[in-house]
C-alpha cells in the first residue's frame, strides 16, 4: 500500500515546519487562502512530551481540512521517541517527521536537531526506535526526516547514503550548513547530490528541497534543476500565505481582512493572555501598501482582539 507521500501530486509544494509559527491558527489561515500539498505541526520535544503530554495538546491539535498533516518531533533520547510516537499515533497524523536540522542553540546543545547530523550511532538508535514504535501501533504511519547538508562542512554523500538505509518515506534537505542557521547562501549543488543519491539508491523515497526559496516560480525552477520531488517553503511564507498562488500579489484589503481573521483564530484557540502570540504575524503581514509601516507599529502595541479591530478601523478611516 502506498503511503500518502507517494500519492501526492508532483511537484509537491509544502509549508515547512517552523516553531512558534506553523500553529493551528496559521495552518487554518493557510488552508483558507492557498492550501499547500503538505503541512507540519510546530516542533514537539519528545523529552518534554514524555514528561507532560498535556502541555502539548494545542501543538498536536489539527483539523481534518489540514490533511495531509505531519507531526514533527525533535530530541536526543531514543526511548522518548518510542514513547511519544506510541501516544501521538492515537491522534492519526498522516506522517511523523524527525527534525535532524534545527540550528537552535537550546536544541543543539543537548544533542538534538542539527547536532544529529553525522552522529550515526545516535541517529540510528532514534530512527530504529521510531520505526519500532510505528510498527507497534500497526498504523503504517510513514516516517520522514528533515535535515541539512552538514554541520561545519558538507557531508551530504555520506549522510544521505546513511539515511537511505532505513525504510523512510521522505527526506527533506535544507541546503545550508548547521553553522549558517537560517542565513547565508543555500547550496543547491549539494541538494542535487542528495537527490541523485536517493534516486539511485531508493527510487520510492520522496526527496524535497528547502532553504531560501522566495516564491513558487523559484521553487518550480529548483525542482527541475535539482531533480527534486518538491520544495518546502518556510520564511518566505511569513505573513504571506498567498505564496502558494503563483505570481499573486494580495491587495491591501485582502491583507487587512486576513490580519483580522488570523487574530480571531488566535483569540479563539488560545487563552486570552496568550493573544500576544499573534504579534509576530502582525509584524509580517503589513507590507506593500501606503501606511503599512505605521499600521505595523500600531498593531504591535495591541494586546487583544478588540485593540486590533480598533486600530484597523482607525486606519481605514
Protein backbone atom coordinates (compact mmCIF):
# COMPACT_ATOMS: atom_id res chain seq x y z
CA UNK A 1 0.00 0.00 0.00
CA UNK A 2 1.34 3.42 -0.96
CA UNK A 3 1.88 5.97 1.81
CA UNK A 4 0.46 9.48 1.47
CA UNK A 5 3.81 10.88 0.28
CA UNK A 6 3.72 8.64 -2.79
CA UNK A 7 0.14 9.67 -3.54
CA UNK A 8 0.74 13.44 -3.53
CA UNK A 9 0.68 15.15 -6.94
CA UNK A 10 4.16 16.26 -8.00
CA UNK A 11 5.82 18.60 -7.71
CA UNK A 12 4.97 18.82 -4.00
CA UNK A 13 4.98 22.31 -2.50
CA UNK A 14 4.59 22.30 1.26
CA UNK A 15 4.67 24.69 4.20
CA UNK A 16 7.84 23.96 6.18
CA UNK A 17 7.58 23.36 9.93
CA UNK A 18 8.50 26.47 11.91
CA UNK A 19 8.39 26.53 15.69
CA UNK A 20 6.21 29.28 17.09
CA UNK A 21 4.80 29.87 13.60
CA UNK A 22 3.01 26.90 12.00
CA UNK A 23 0.45 26.51 14.76
CA UNK A 24 -3.24 25.67 14.33
CA UNK A 25 -4.45 29.25 13.58
CA UNK A 26 -1.70 29.75 10.97
CA UNK A 27 -2.45 26.43 9.27
CA UNK A 28 -6.14 27.30 9.14
CA UNK A 29 -5.37 30.64 7.50
CA UNK A 30 -3.11 28.83 5.04
CA UNK A 31 -5.87 26.35 4.16
CA UNK A 32 -8.35 29.16 3.53
CA UNK A 33 -6.06 31.19 1.27
CA UNK A 34 -3.90 28.68 -0.61
CA UNK A 35 -3.59 25.16 0.74
CA UNK A 36 -0.12 23.63 0.23
CA UNK A 37 0.49 19.99 -0.69
CA UNK A 38 1.55 19.16 2.87
CA UNK A 39 1.80 20.93 6.24
CA UNK A 40 3.55 20.25 9.54
CA UNK A 41 2.94 20.98 13.20
CA UNK A 42 5.33 23.04 15.26
CA UNK A 43 8.25 21.12 16.76
CA UNK A 44 7.40 18.67 19.56
CA UNK A 45 10.11 17.86 22.12
CA UNK A 46 9.98 14.10 22.76
CA UNK A 47 11.63 14.51 26.16
CA UNK A 48 9.11 17.19 27.10
CA UNK A 49 6.19 15.17 25.74
CA UNK A 50 7.08 12.08 27.79
CA UNK A 51 7.25 14.20 30.96
CA UNK A 52 3.95 16.02 30.39
CA UNK A 53 1.90 15.21 27.26
CA UNK A 54 -0.95 17.59 28.22
CA UNK A 55 1.34 20.60 27.72
CA UNK A 56 1.40 19.74 24.00
CA UNK A 57 -2.36 19.42 23.44
CA UNK A 58 -2.55 22.63 21.40
CA UNK A 59 0.64 21.90 19.46
CA UNK A 60 -0.69 18.49 18.43
CA UNK A 61 -4.23 19.64 17.60
CA UNK A 62 -5.30 19.73 13.98
CA UNK A 63 -8.48 19.69 11.89
CA UNK A 64 -9.41 17.42 9.00
CA UNK A 65 -9.10 20.17 6.38
CA UNK A 66 -5.36 20.38 7.13
CA UNK A 67 -4.59 16.87 5.85
CA UNK A 68 -2.07 15.69 4.94
CA UNK A 69 -0.59 16.86 8.23
CA UNK A 70 2.76 15.69 9.62
CA UNK A 71 3.82 15.95 13.26
CA UNK A 72 7.47 16.94 13.66
CA UNK A 73 9.48 15.62 16.59
CA UNK A 74 12.87 16.63 17.94
CA UNK A 75 15.06 15.31 20.71
CA UNK A 76 18.02 13.17 21.64
CA UNK A 77 16.60 10.21 23.61
CA UNK A 78 15.63 7.12 21.55
CA UNK A 79 13.25 5.78 24.23
CA UNK A 80 11.42 9.13 24.31
CA UNK A 81 10.88 8.97 20.54
CA UNK A 82 9.41 5.50 21.03
CA UNK A 83 7.01 6.57 23.82
CA UNK A 84 6.00 9.82 22.10
CA UNK A 85 5.16 8.09 18.81
CA UNK A 86 3.11 5.44 20.60
CA UNK A 87 0.96 8.14 22.19
CA UNK A 88 0.77 10.51 19.22
CA UNK A 89 -0.29 7.69 16.89
CA UNK A 90 -3.72 7.90 18.54
CA UNK A 91 -4.18 11.36 17.00
CA UNK A 92 -3.94 9.88 13.48
CA UNK A 93 -1.41 12.21 11.91
CA UNK A 94 -0.67 11.38 8.27
CA UNK A 95 3.05 11.25 8.92
CA UNK A 96 5.79 11.59 11.54
CA UNK A 97 8.92 13.65 10.87
CA UNK A 98 12.18 13.68 12.83
CA UNK A 99 13.98 17.00 12.96
CA UNK A 100 17.69 16.49 12.31
CA UNK A 101 18.46 20.02 11.16
CA UNK A 102 17.26 22.60 13.70
CA UNK A 103 20.07 25.09 14.47
CA UNK A 104 18.55 26.48 17.72
CA UNK A 105 21.18 26.51 20.46
CA UNK A 106 18.73 25.16 23.04
CA UNK A 107 18.16 22.09 20.84
CA UNK A 108 21.69 21.55 19.52
CA UNK A 109 23.46 21.79 22.89
CA UNK A 110 21.53 18.75 24.13
CA UNK A 111 22.40 16.69 21.07
CA UNK A 112 19.14 17.03 19.13
CA UNK A 113 18.15 18.75 15.87
CA UNK A 114 21.10 19.56 13.64
CA UNK A 115 23.58 18.11 16.14
CA UNK A 116 22.44 14.65 14.99
CA UNK A 117 23.99 15.25 11.56
CA UNK A 118 26.96 12.90 11.33
CA UNK A 119 26.13 11.28 14.68
CA UNK A 120 25.42 7.96 13.02
CA UNK A 121 25.17 5.87 16.20
CA UNK A 122 22.58 8.02 17.98
CA UNK A 123 20.69 8.78 14.75
CA UNK A 124 20.41 5.06 14.02
CA UNK A 125 19.04 4.40 17.51
CA UNK A 126 16.48 7.23 17.19
CA UNK A 127 15.30 6.10 13.75
CA UNK A 128 15.06 2.45 14.78
CA UNK A 129 13.17 3.25 17.99
CA UNK A 130 10.78 5.40 15.94
CA UNK A 131 10.24 2.62 13.40
CA UNK A 132 9.64 0.07 16.18
CA UNK A 133 7.05 2.37 17.75
CA UNK A 134 5.28 2.79 14.41
CA UNK A 135 5.33 -0.97 13.89
CA UNK A 136 3.80 -1.48 17.34
CA UNK A 137 0.93 0.90 16.50
CA UNK A 138 0.10 -1.21 13.42
CA UNK A 139 -0.91 2.01 11.63
CA UNK A 140 1.85 2.08 8.99
CA UNK A 141 2.49 5.80 9.54
CA UNK A 142 5.23 6.99 7.14
CA UNK A 143 8.40 8.24 8.82
CA UNK A 144 10.38 11.13 7.34
CA UNK A 145 13.43 13.22 8.24
CA UNK A 146 14.23 16.91 7.75
CA UNK A 147 17.95 17.57 7.83
CA UNK A 148 20.85 19.59 6.39
CA UNK A 149 23.92 19.02 4.22
CA UNK A 150 26.34 19.11 7.17
CA UNK A 151 27.44 20.97 10.29
CA UNK A 152 30.71 22.78 9.54
CA UNK A 153 31.21 21.40 6.03
CA UNK A 154 29.05 19.36 3.62
CA UNK A 155 28.87 15.62 4.30
CA UNK A 156 25.89 15.16 2.00
CA UNK A 157 27.05 11.98 0.28
CA UNK A 158 27.87 10.05 3.47
CA UNK A 159 24.93 11.39 5.48
CA UNK A 160 22.22 10.86 2.85
CA UNK A 161 23.58 7.44 1.91
CA UNK A 162 23.33 6.50 5.60
CA UNK A 163 19.71 7.71 5.81
CA UNK A 164 18.81 5.69 2.71
CA UNK A 165 19.50 2.51 4.69
CA UNK A 166 16.28 2.99 6.65
CA UNK A 167 12.70 2.48 5.39
CA UNK A 168 11.92 6.20 5.39
CA UNK A 169 9.14 7.62 3.23
CA UNK A 170 10.58 11.10 2.67
CA UNK A 171 13.68 13.20 3.30
CA UNK A 172 13.85 17.00 3.19
CA UNK A 173 17.27 18.54 2.61
CA UNK A 174 17.86 22.09 3.81
CA UNK A 175 20.77 23.23 1.66
CA UNK A 176 22.61 25.16 4.36
CA UNK A 177 25.17 24.03 6.90
CA UNK A 178 24.16 23.92 10.56
CA UNK A 179 26.62 26.73 11.37
CA UNK A 180 24.77 29.00 8.90
CA UNK A 181 21.49 28.77 10.77
CA UNK A 182 18.82 30.32 8.54
CA UNK A 183 21.13 32.84 6.88
CA UNK A 184 23.61 32.82 4.02
CA UNK A 185 23.72 31.11 0.66
CA UNK A 186 21.84 27.87 0.07
CA UNK A 187 23.98 25.19 -1.56
CA UNK A 188 21.65 23.73 -4.18
CA UNK A 189 24.54 21.77 -5.69
CA UNK A 190 24.67 19.68 -2.50
CA UNK A 191 20.88 19.31 -2.57
CA UNK A 192 21.24 17.94 -6.11
CA UNK A 193 23.87 15.46 -4.86
CA UNK A 194 21.42 14.31 -2.18
CA UNK A 195 18.66 13.90 -4.75
CA UNK A 196 20.89 11.92 -7.11
CA UNK A 197 21.91 9.54 -4.30
CA UNK A 198 18.31 8.99 -3.23
CA UNK A 199 17.05 8.44 -6.78
CA UNK A 200 19.83 5.89 -7.31
CA UNK A 201 19.53 4.04 -4.00
CA UNK A 202 15.82 4.38 -3.19
CA UNK A 203 13.53 5.19 -6.12
CA UNK A 204 10.49 5.04 -3.80
CA UNK A 205 11.87 7.67 -1.41
CA UNK A 206 10.47 11.20 -1.79
CA UNK A 207 13.09 13.99 -1.74
CA UNK A 208 12.20 17.64 -1.04
CA UNK A 209 14.46 20.69 -1.03
CA UNK A 210 14.32 23.59 1.39
CA UNK A 211 16.04 26.87 2.11
CA UNK A 212 15.87 30.45 0.88
CA UNK A 213 13.04 29.97 -1.64
CA UNK A 214 11.38 33.31 -2.37
CA UNK A 215 8.33 32.29 -4.41
CA UNK A 216 6.58 29.45 -6.22
CA UNK A 217 8.31 30.26 -9.51
CA UNK A 218 11.74 29.77 -7.93
CA UNK A 219 10.50 26.61 -6.19
CA UNK A 220 9.49 25.09 -9.55
CA UNK A 221 12.85 26.07 -11.01
CA UNK A 222 14.79 24.34 -8.21
CA UNK A 223 12.66 21.19 -8.57
CA UNK A 224 13.79 20.92 -12.19
CA UNK A 225 17.43 21.91 -11.61
CA UNK A 226 17.95 19.52 -8.68
CA UNK A 227 15.71 16.64 -9.78
CA UNK A 228 13.52 17.00 -6.69
CA UNK A 229 10.01 15.78 -5.93
CA UNK A 230 9.14 19.14 -4.42
CA UNK A 231 10.04 22.02 -2.10
CA UNK A 232 9.15 23.10 1.42
CA UNK A 233 8.73 26.87 1.75
CA UNK A 234 9.41 28.42 5.14
CA UNK A 235 10.47 32.00 5.81
CA UNK A 236 9.01 33.37 2.57
CA UNK A 237 5.57 32.28 3.80
CA UNK A 238 5.75 34.50 6.91
CA UNK A 239 2.90 36.95 6.58
CA UNK A 240 2.42 35.68 3.04
CA UNK A 241 0.02 32.71 2.85
CA UNK A 242 -0.55 33.75 -0.78
CA UNK A 243 2.90 32.41 -1.67
CA UNK A 244 1.34 29.12 -2.79
CA UNK A 245 -0.50 31.05 -5.52
CA UNK A 246 1.92 31.67 -8.36
CA UNK A 247 2.65 35.34 -9.19
CA UNK A 248 -0.13 36.53 -6.89
CA UNK A 249 0.02 39.88 -5.14
CA UNK A 250 -2.65 40.38 -2.44
CA UNK A 251 -4.46 43.72 -2.23
CA UNK A 252 -4.37 45.92 0.84
CA UNK A 253 -7.95 44.88 1.55
CA UNK A 254 -7.04 41.18 1.41
CA UNK A 255 -4.12 41.68 3.78
CA UNK A 256 -6.21 43.61 6.31
CA UNK A 257 -9.03 41.05 6.11
CA UNK A 258 -6.51 38.27 6.74
CA UNK A 259 -4.98 40.12 9.70
CA UNK A 260 -8.39 40.34 11.36
CA UNK A 261 -9.24 36.71 10.59
CA UNK A 262 -5.89 35.47 11.92
CA UNK A 263 -6.42 37.46 15.12
CA UNK A 264 -9.89 35.95 15.54
CA UNK A 265 -8.47 32.44 15.16
CA UNK A 266 -5.69 33.08 17.69
CA UNK A 267 -8.22 34.62 20.09
CA UNK A 268 -10.49 31.57 19.78
CA UNK A 269 -7.71 28.96 20.03
CA UNK A 270 -5.52 30.25 22.88
CA UNK A 271 -6.27 31.62 26.37
CA UNK A 272 -6.81 35.39 26.32
CA UNK A 273 -3.46 36.10 27.96
CA UNK A 274 -1.73 34.35 25.05
CA UNK A 275 -3.17 36.61 22.36
CA UNK A 276 0.31 38.14 22.03
CA UNK A 277 1.32 35.00 20.10
CA UNK A 278 -0.16 36.70 17.02
CA UNK A 279 2.13 39.74 17.26
CA UNK A 280 4.92 38.19 15.17
CA UNK A 281 2.38 37.65 12.39
CA UNK A 282 1.20 41.25 12.73
CA UNK A 283 4.79 42.32 12.12
CA UNK A 284 4.89 40.26 8.89
CA UNK A 285 1.52 40.92 7.24
CA UNK A 286 1.57 44.71 6.64
CA UNK A 287 3.70 45.37 3.57
CA UNK A 288 3.39 46.71 0.05
CA UNK A 289 0.74 49.40 0.60
CA UNK A 290 0.71 53.05 1.74
CA UNK A 291 0.83 53.42 5.52
CA UNK A 292 1.83 49.80 6.12
CA UNK A 293 4.76 50.68 8.39
CA UNK A 294 2.62 52.93 10.58
CA UNK A 295 -0.07 50.25 10.73
CA UNK A 296 2.51 47.66 11.79
CA UNK A 297 3.77 49.87 14.63
CA UNK A 298 0.24 50.32 15.99
CA UNK A 299 -0.66 46.65 15.62
CA UNK A 300 2.42 45.58 17.56
CA UNK A 301 1.19 47.61 20.54
CA UNK A 302 -2.07 45.60 20.66
CA UNK A 303 -2.73 43.07 23.40
CA UNK A 304 -6.25 41.96 22.49
CA UNK A 305 -8.52 41.28 19.53
CA UNK A 306 -10.56 44.37 20.37
CA UNK A 307 -7.49 46.59 20.19
CA UNK A 308 -6.54 45.14 16.78
CA UNK A 309 -10.02 45.80 15.39
CA UNK A 310 -9.90 49.35 16.74
CA UNK A 311 -6.51 50.01 15.10
CA UNK A 312 -7.76 48.62 11.76
CA UNK A 313 -10.97 50.69 11.88
CA UNK A 314 -9.00 53.88 12.54
CA UNK A 315 -6.55 53.02 9.76
CA UNK A 316 -9.34 52.58 7.23
CA UNK A 317 -11.00 55.92 8.03
